Structure formats: C-alpha cells, structure tokens
PDB file of N, CA and C in Angstrom:
ATOM      1  N   MET A   1     -14.855  14.427   8.419  1.00  0.00           N
ATOM      2  CA  MET A   1     -16.155  14.475   7.806  1.00  0.00           C
ATOM      3  C   MET A   1     -16.407  13.150   7.082  1.00  0.00           C
ATOM      4  N   ALA A   2     -17.490  12.513   7.396  1.00  0.00           N
ATOM      5  CA  ALA A   2     -17.860  11.263   6.725  1.00  0.00           C
ATOM      6  C   ALA A   2     -18.334  11.560   5.314  1.00  0.00           C
ATOM      7  N   GLN A   3     -18.018  10.653   4.427  1.00  0.00           N
ATOM      8  CA  GLN A   3     -18.374  10.840   3.021  1.00  0.00           C
ATOM      9  C   GLN A   3     -18.844   9.516   2.451  1.00  0.00           C
ATOM     10  N   ARG A   4     -19.877   9.549   1.654  1.00  0.00           N
ATOM     11  CA  ARG A   4     -20.344   8.351   0.954  1.00  0.00           C
ATOM     12  C   ARG A   4     -19.716   8.334  -0.429  1.00  0.00           C
ATOM     13  N   THR A   5     -19.321   7.160  -0.842  1.00  0.00           N
ATOM     14  CA  THR A   5     -18.713   6.996  -2.156  1.00  0.00           C
ATOM     15  C   THR A   5     -19.330   5.782  -2.828  1.00  0.00           C
ATOM     16  N   ALA A   6     -19.709   5.950  -4.079  1.00  0.00           N
ATOM     17  CA  ALA A   6     -20.230   4.824  -4.858  1.00  0.00           C
ATOM     18  C   ALA A   6     -19.101   4.247  -5.695  1.00  0.00           C
ATOM     19  N   LEU A   7     -19.061   2.940  -5.764  1.00  0.00           N
ATOM     20  CA  LEU A   7     -18.020   2.266  -6.535  1.00  0.00           C
ATOM     21  C   LEU A   7     -18.653   1.385  -7.600  1.00  0.00           C
ATOM     22  N   ARG A   8     -18.023   1.341  -8.755  1.00  0.00           N
ATOM     23  CA  ARG A   8     -18.418   0.387  -9.788  1.00  0.00           C
ATOM     24  C   ARG A   8     -17.415  -0.753  -9.720  1.00  0.00           C
ATOM     25  N   LEU A   9     -17.903  -1.924  -9.353  1.00  0.00           N
ATOM     26  CA  LEU A   9     -17.024  -3.062  -9.166  1.00  0.00           C
ATOM     27  C   LEU A   9     -17.289  -4.118 -10.230  1.00  0.00           C
ATOM     28  N   ASP A  10     -16.213  -4.686 -10.737  1.00  0.00           N
ATOM     29  CA  ASP A  10     -16.388  -5.826 -11.628  1.00  0.00           C
ATOM     30  C   ASP A  10     -16.643  -7.060 -10.757  1.00  0.00           C
ATOM     31  N   GLU A  11     -16.867  -8.193 -11.413  1.00  0.00           N
ATOM     32  CA  GLU A  11     -17.232  -9.403 -10.673  1.00  0.00           C
ATOM     33  C   GLU A  11     -16.153  -9.821  -9.676  1.00  0.00           C
ATOM     34  N   GLN A  12     -14.892  -9.737 -10.082  1.00  0.00           N
ATOM     35  CA  GLN A  12     -13.809 -10.124  -9.176  1.00  0.00           C
ATOM     36  C   GLN A  12     -13.749  -9.202  -7.970  1.00  0.00           C
ATOM     37  N   ALA A  13     -13.887  -7.906  -8.197  1.00  0.00           N
ATOM     38  CA  ALA A  13     -13.863  -6.953  -7.086  1.00  0.00           C
ATOM     39  C   ALA A  13     -15.044  -7.185  -6.139  1.00  0.00           C
ATOM     40  N   GLU A  14     -16.195  -7.527  -6.690  1.00  0.00           N
ATOM     41  CA  GLU A  14     -17.355  -7.839  -5.846  1.00  0.00           C
ATOM     42  C   GLU A  14     -17.072  -9.067  -4.978  1.00  0.00           C
ATOM     43  N   GLN A  15     -16.449 -10.072  -5.576  1.00  0.00           N
ATOM     44  CA  GLN A  15     -16.098 -11.270  -4.818  1.00  0.00           C
ATOM     45  C   GLN A  15     -15.073 -10.944  -3.737  1.00  0.00           C
ATOM     46  N   ASP A  16     -14.094 -10.124  -4.081  1.00  0.00           N
ATOM     47  CA  ASP A  16     -13.082  -9.714  -3.105  1.00  0.00           C
ATOM     48  C   ASP A  16     -13.729  -8.952  -1.953  1.00  0.00           C
ATOM     49  N   LEU A  17     -14.631  -8.053  -2.276  1.00  0.00           N
ATOM     50  CA  LEU A  17     -15.303  -7.271  -1.240  1.00  0.00           C
ATOM     51  C   LEU A  17     -16.145  -8.169  -0.343  1.00  0.00           C
ATOM     52  N   ALA A  18     -16.858  -9.107  -0.929  1.00  0.00           N
ATOM     53  CA  ALA A  18     -17.666 -10.030  -0.125  1.00  0.00           C
ATOM     54  C   ALA A  18     -16.772 -10.851   0.803  1.00  0.00           C
ATOM     55  N   TYR A  19     -15.654 -11.314   0.285  1.00  0.00           N
ATOM     56  CA  TYR A  19     -14.707 -12.085   1.096  1.00  0.00           C
ATOM     57  C   TYR A  19     -14.206 -11.256   2.272  1.00  0.00           C
ATOM     58  N   LEU A  20     -13.771 -10.032   1.982  1.00  0.00           N
ATOM     59  CA  LEU A  20     -13.253  -9.164   3.040  1.00  0.00           C
ATOM     60  C   LEU A  20     -14.346  -8.736   4.018  1.00  0.00           C
ATOM     61  N   ALA A  21     -15.556  -8.511   3.516  1.00  0.00           N
ATOM     62  CA  ALA A  21     -16.663  -8.140   4.401  1.00  0.00           C
ATOM     63  C   ALA A  21     -16.960  -9.256   5.390  1.00  0.00           C
ATOM     64  N   ASP A  22     -16.830 -10.503   4.956  1.00  0.00           N
ATOM     65  CA  ASP A  22     -17.011 -11.633   5.886  1.00  0.00           C
ATOM     66  C   ASP A  22     -15.966 -11.593   6.993  1.00  0.00           C
ATOM     67  N   ILE A  23     -14.761 -11.195   6.655  1.00  0.00           N
ATOM     68  CA  ILE A  23     -13.677 -11.138   7.638  1.00  0.00           C
ATOM     69  C   ILE A  23     -13.826  -9.933   8.560  1.00  0.00           C
ATOM     70  N   TYR A  24     -14.112  -8.752   7.975  1.00  0.00           N
ATOM     71  CA  TYR A  24     -14.131  -7.499   8.732  1.00  0.00           C
ATOM     72  C   TYR A  24     -15.505  -7.102   9.248  1.00  0.00           C
ATOM     73  N   GLY A  25     -16.531  -7.854   8.890  1.00  0.00           N
ATOM     74  CA  GLY A  25     -17.859  -7.617   9.447  1.00  0.00           C
ATOM     75  C   GLY A  25     -18.813  -6.844   8.566  1.00  0.00           C
ATOM     76  N   THR A  26     -18.308  -5.853   7.852  1.00  0.00           N
ATOM     77  CA  THR A  26     -19.156  -5.059   6.948  1.00  0.00           C
ATOM     78  C   THR A  26     -18.355  -4.671   5.717  1.00  0.00           C
ATOM     79  N   GLN A  27     -19.065  -4.284   4.668  1.00  0.00           N
ATOM     80  CA  GLN A  27     -18.371  -3.795   3.481  1.00  0.00           C
ATOM     81  C   GLN A  27     -17.598  -2.522   3.800  1.00  0.00           C
ATOM     82  N   THR A  28     -18.179  -1.657   4.613  1.00  0.00           N
ATOM     83  CA  THR A  28     -17.504  -0.404   4.987  1.00  0.00           C
ATOM     84  C   THR A  28     -16.200  -0.687   5.709  1.00  0.00           C
ATOM     85  N   ALA A  29     -16.240  -1.586   6.672  1.00  0.00           N
ATOM     86  CA  ALA A  29     -15.025  -1.922   7.421  1.00  0.00           C
ATOM     87  C   ALA A  29     -13.983  -2.545   6.496  1.00  0.00           C
ATOM     88  N   ALA A  30     -14.431  -3.374   5.568  1.00  0.00           N
ATOM     89  CA  ALA A  30     -13.509  -4.010   4.625  1.00  0.00           C
ATOM     90  C   ALA A  30     -12.833  -2.980   3.743  1.00  0.00           C
ATOM     91  N   VAL A  31     -13.597  -2.038   3.219  1.00  0.00           N
ATOM     92  CA  VAL A  31     -13.031  -1.002   2.349  1.00  0.00           C
ATOM     93  C   VAL A  31     -12.084  -0.106   3.136  1.00  0.00           C
ATOM     94  N   LYS A  32     -12.467   0.290   4.342  1.00  0.00           N
ATOM     95  CA  LYS A  32     -11.584   1.124   5.167  1.00  0.00           C
ATOM     96  C   LYS A  32     -10.276   0.407   5.459  1.00  0.00           C
ATOM     97  N   SER A  33     -10.356  -0.866   5.783  1.00  0.00           N
ATOM     98  CA  SER A  33      -9.148  -1.638   6.071  1.00  0.00           C
ATOM     99  C   SER A  33      -8.268  -1.761   4.841  1.00  0.00           C
ATOM    100  N   ALA A  34      -8.879  -2.037   3.705  1.00  0.00           N
ATOM    101  CA  ALA A  34      -8.122  -2.160   2.460  1.00  0.00           C
ATOM    102  C   ALA A  34      -7.445  -0.841   2.100  1.00  0.00           C
ATOM    103  N   LEU A  35      -8.149   0.269   2.265  1.00  0.00           N
ATOM    104  CA  LEU A  35      -7.557   1.582   1.992  1.00  0.00           C
ATOM    105  C   LEU A  35      -6.392   1.866   2.929  1.00  0.00           C
ATOM    106  N   ALA A  36      -6.537   1.505   4.191  1.00  0.00           N
ATOM    107  CA  ALA A  36      -5.469   1.736   5.158  1.00  0.00           C
ATOM    108  C   ALA A  36      -4.223   0.933   4.792  1.00  0.00           C
ATOM    109  N   VAL A  37      -4.411  -0.322   4.394  1.00  0.00           N
ATOM    110  CA  VAL A  37      -3.278  -1.160   4.010  1.00  0.00           C
ATOM    111  C   VAL A  37      -2.595  -0.598   2.769  1.00  0.00           C
ATOM    112  N   LEU A  38      -3.382  -0.210   1.779  1.00  0.00           N
ATOM    113  CA  LEU A  38      -2.820   0.338   0.540  1.00  0.00           C
ATOM    114  C   LEU A  38      -2.085   1.652   0.803  1.00  0.00           C
ATOM    115  N   ALA A  39      -2.683   2.528   1.588  1.00  0.00           N
ATOM    116  CA  ALA A  39      -2.041   3.810   1.899  1.00  0.00           C
ATOM    117  C   ALA A  39      -0.732   3.586   2.660  1.00  0.00           C
ATOM    118  N   HIS A  40      -0.725   2.655   3.591  1.00  0.00           N
ATOM    119  CA  HIS A  40       0.502   2.345   4.335  1.00  0.00           C
ATOM    120  C   HIS A  40       1.591   1.851   3.389  1.00  0.00           C
ATOM    121  N   ARG A  41       1.231   0.949   2.496  1.00  0.00           N
ATOM    122  CA  ARG A  41       2.208   0.415   1.536  1.00  0.00           C
ATOM    123  C   ARG A  41       2.782   1.521   0.664  1.00  0.00           C
ATOM    124  N   GLU A  42       1.933   2.416   0.177  1.00  0.00           N
ATOM    125  CA  GLU A  42       2.402   3.496  -0.691  1.00  0.00           C
ATOM    126  C   GLU A  42       3.271   4.488   0.067  1.00  0.00           C
ATOM    127  N   ARG A  43       2.938   4.748   1.345  1.00  0.00           N
ATOM    128  CA  ARG A  43       3.789   5.634   2.155  1.00  0.00           C
ATOM    129  C   ARG A  43       5.174   5.018   2.346  1.00  0.00           C
ATOM    130  N   LEU A  44       5.209   3.707   2.588  1.00  0.00           N
ATOM    131  CA  LEU A  44       6.504   3.041   2.710  1.00  0.00           C
ATOM    132  C   LEU A  44       7.299   3.146   1.413  1.00  0.00           C
ATOM    133  N   ARG A  45       6.643   2.963   0.278  1.00  0.00           N
ATOM    134  CA  ARG A  45       7.320   3.101  -1.013  1.00  0.00           C
ATOM    135  C   ARG A  45       7.866   4.510  -1.191  1.00  0.00           C
ATOM    136  N   ASP A  46       7.075   5.507  -0.823  1.00  0.00           N
ATOM    137  CA  ASP A  46       7.536   6.898  -0.921  1.00  0.00           C
ATOM    138  C   ASP A  46       8.759   7.129  -0.049  1.00  0.00           C
ATOM    139  N   ARG A  47       8.721   6.586   1.180  1.00  0.00           N
ATOM    140  CA  ARG A  47       9.858   6.757   2.086  1.00  0.00           C
ATOM    141  C   ARG A  47      11.098   6.060   1.544  1.00  0.00           C
ATOM    142  N   MET A  48      10.903   4.880   0.958  1.00  0.00           N
ATOM    143  CA  MET A  48      12.056   4.181   0.401  1.00  0.00           C
ATOM    144  C   MET A  48      12.630   4.951  -0.776  1.00  0.00           C
ATOM    145  N   ARG A  49      11.771   5.455  -1.656  1.00  0.00           N
ATOM    146  CA  ARG A  49      12.264   6.251  -2.790  1.00  0.00           C
ATOM    147  C   ARG A  49      13.058   7.453  -2.300  1.00  0.00           C
ATOM    148  N   SER A  50      12.555   8.130  -1.282  1.00  0.00           N
ATOM    149  CA  SER A  50      13.254   9.289  -0.724  1.00  0.00           C
ATOM    150  C   SER A  50      14.588   8.885  -0.125  1.00  0.00           C
ATOM    151  N   PHE A  51      14.586   7.788   0.607  1.00  0.00           N
ATOM    152  CA  PHE A  51      15.819   7.293   1.216  1.00  0.00           C
ATOM    153  C   PHE A  51      16.854   6.949   0.148  1.00  0.00           C
ATOM    154  N   VAL A  52      16.422   6.201  -0.871  1.00  0.00           N
ATOM    155  CA  VAL A  52      17.345   5.800  -1.940  1.00  0.00           C
ATOM    156  C   VAL A  52      17.872   7.032  -2.672  1.00  0.00           C
ATOM    157  N   ALA A  53      17.002   7.972  -2.956  1.00  0.00           N
ATOM    158  CA  ALA A  53      17.433   9.194  -3.650  1.00  0.00           C
ATOM    159  C   ALA A  53      18.461   9.954  -2.817  1.00  0.00           C
ATOM    160  N   GLU A  54      18.225  10.036  -1.509  1.00  0.00           N
ATOM    161  CA  GLU A  54      19.163  10.747  -0.633  1.00  0.00           C
ATOM    162  C   GLU A  54      20.517  10.034  -0.580  1.00  0.00           C
ATOM    163  N   VAL A  55      20.497   8.722  -0.421  1.00  0.00           N
ATOM    164  CA  VAL A  55      21.748   7.955  -0.359  1.00  0.00           C
ATOM    165  C   VAL A  55      22.483   8.068  -1.679  1.00  0.00           C
ATOM    166  N   GLU A  56      21.760   7.924  -2.785  1.00  0.00           N
ATOM    167  CA  GLU A  56      22.419   7.996  -4.091  1.00  0.00           C
ATOM    168  C   GLU A  56      22.980   9.381  -4.373  1.00  0.00           C
ATOM    169  N   SER A  57      22.320  10.418  -3.876  1.00  0.00           N
ATOM    170  CA  SER A  57      22.855  11.765  -4.089  1.00  0.00           C
ATOM    171  C   SER A  57      24.162  11.982  -3.331  1.00  0.00           C
ATOM    172  N   GLU A  58      24.315  11.260  -2.220  1.00  0.00           N
ATOM    173  CA  GLU A  58      25.528  11.390  -1.413  1.00  0.00           C
ATOM    174  C   GLU A  58      26.614  10.387  -1.808  1.00  0.00           C
ATOM    175  N   SER A  59      26.204   9.197  -2.275  1.00  0.00           N
ATOM    176  CA  SER A  59      27.171   8.112  -2.455  1.00  0.00           C
ATOM    177  C   SER A  59      27.186   7.490  -3.842  1.00  0.00           C
ATOM    178  N   GLY A  60      26.310   7.919  -4.720  1.00  0.00           N
ATOM    179  CA  GLY A  60      26.226   7.299  -6.039  1.00  0.00           C
ATOM    180  C   GLY A  60      25.195   6.179  -6.064  1.00  0.00           C
ATOM    181  N   ASP A  61      25.050   5.571  -7.223  1.00  0.00           N
ATOM    182  CA  ASP A  61      24.030   4.541  -7.417  1.00  0.00           C
ATOM    183  C   ASP A  61      24.226   3.359  -6.475  1.00  0.00           C
ATOM    184  N   LEU A  62      23.101   2.835  -5.992  1.00  0.00           N
ATOM    185  CA  LEU A  62      23.132   1.648  -5.153  1.00  0.00           C
ATOM    186  C   LEU A  62      23.176   0.403  -6.035  1.00  0.00           C
ATOM    187  N   THR A  63      23.810  -0.616  -5.518  1.00  0.00           N
ATOM    188  CA  THR A  63      23.809  -1.895  -6.225  1.00  0.00           C
ATOM    189  C   THR A  63      22.462  -2.583  -5.997  1.00  0.00           C
ATOM    190  N   GLU A  64      22.206  -3.613  -6.771  1.00  0.00           N
ATOM    191  CA  GLU A  64      20.956  -4.358  -6.592  1.00  0.00           C
ATOM    192  C   GLU A  64      20.899  -4.989  -5.198  1.00  0.00           C
ATOM    193  N   ALA A  65      22.034  -5.467  -4.702  1.00  0.00           N
ATOM    194  CA  ALA A  65      22.084  -6.046  -3.355  1.00  0.00           C
ATOM    195  C   ALA A  65      21.749  -4.990  -2.294  1.00  0.00           C
ATOM    196  N   GLU A  66      22.249  -3.783  -2.466  1.00  0.00           N
ATOM    197  CA  GLU A  66      21.949  -2.699  -1.520  1.00  0.00           C
ATOM    198  C   GLU A  66      20.470  -2.316  -1.582  1.00  0.00           C
ATOM    199  N   LEU A  67      19.919  -2.298  -2.784  1.00  0.00           N
ATOM    200  CA  LEU A  67      18.491  -2.002  -2.928  1.00  0.00           C
ATOM    201  C   LEU A  67      17.648  -3.082  -2.259  1.00  0.00           C
ATOM    202  N   GLU A  68      18.038  -4.320  -2.423  1.00  0.00           N
ATOM    203  CA  GLU A  68      17.309  -5.430  -1.793  1.00  0.00           C
ATOM    204  C   GLU A  68      17.350  -5.309  -0.279  1.00  0.00           C
ATOM    205  N   THR A  69      18.486  -4.934   0.265  1.00  0.00           N
ATOM    206  CA  THR A  69      18.600  -4.721   1.711  1.00  0.00           C
ATOM    207  C   THR A  69      17.684  -3.581   2.145  1.00  0.00           C
ATOM    208  N   ALA A  70      17.660  -2.499   1.388  1.00  0.00           N
ATOM    209  CA  ALA A  70      16.787  -1.361   1.713  1.00  0.00           C
ATOM    210  C   ALA A  70      15.326  -1.778   1.680  1.00  0.00           C
ATOM    211  N   ARG A  71      14.954  -2.597   0.700  1.00  0.00           N
ATOM    212  CA  ARG A  71      13.546  -3.050   0.596  1.00  0.00           C
ATOM    213  C   ARG A  71      13.099  -3.773   1.857  1.00  0.00           C
ATOM    214  N   LYS A  72      14.014  -4.508   2.476  1.00  0.00           N
ATOM    215  CA  LYS A  72      13.662  -5.250   3.694  1.00  0.00           C
ATOM    216  C   LYS A  72      13.244  -4.315   4.822  1.00  0.00           C
ATOM    217  N   TYR A  73      13.813  -3.108   4.847  1.00  0.00           N
ATOM    218  CA  TYR A  73      13.485  -2.151   5.899  1.00  0.00           C
ATOM    219  C   TYR A  73      12.205  -1.370   5.618  1.00  0.00           C
ATOM    220  N   PHE A  74      11.712  -1.444   4.387  1.00  0.00           N
ATOM    221  CA  PHE A  74      10.524  -0.679   4.010  1.00  0.00           C
ATOM    222  C   PHE A  74       9.372  -1.597   3.603  1.00  0.00           C
ATOM    223  N   GLN A  75       9.195  -2.662   4.338  1.00  0.00           N
ATOM    224  CA  GLN A  75       8.083  -3.580   4.074  1.00  0.00           C
ATOM    225  C   GLN A  75       6.956  -3.323   5.025  1.00  0.00           C
TER     226      GLN A  75
END
C-alpha cells in the first residue's frame, strides 16, 4: 500500500535531499533509496549482534581483534 509522508527537514537535510534527488531523479526515489540503504545497514548490525551473542554464549567474550574480523563480514 502506497503511503504519503510529510517530513520536516532542516536546511542540511534539504540540501542532502536535493543532492540525492539529482542523482536518483526524484525526491521520492532518493528517499526510498536512502531508506533501503539504512534498513540494510541496520539489518546487518542486528545480524552481527546476534552472531556475536551466539558465539559469546558458546565460547565466552570475543577479543577486539575477533570483533573487528566479524565486522568485516557484516558490512
């Protein structure tokens, strides 16, 4: 179902939207693309948190080096 949403943007956000709209063709396309990128990033973060929690529950705390290696797989 399509939905209209009104946004209150500050000056920087307006500039960002204009920049992205030039790239993606329309403000709608720019916002959809930005939402998709953000949602993908957050899903990866959720998966990494779950992975780390599972490994730590089985093996104990991960070292910073191990966490850094895990981050490479969830980019």
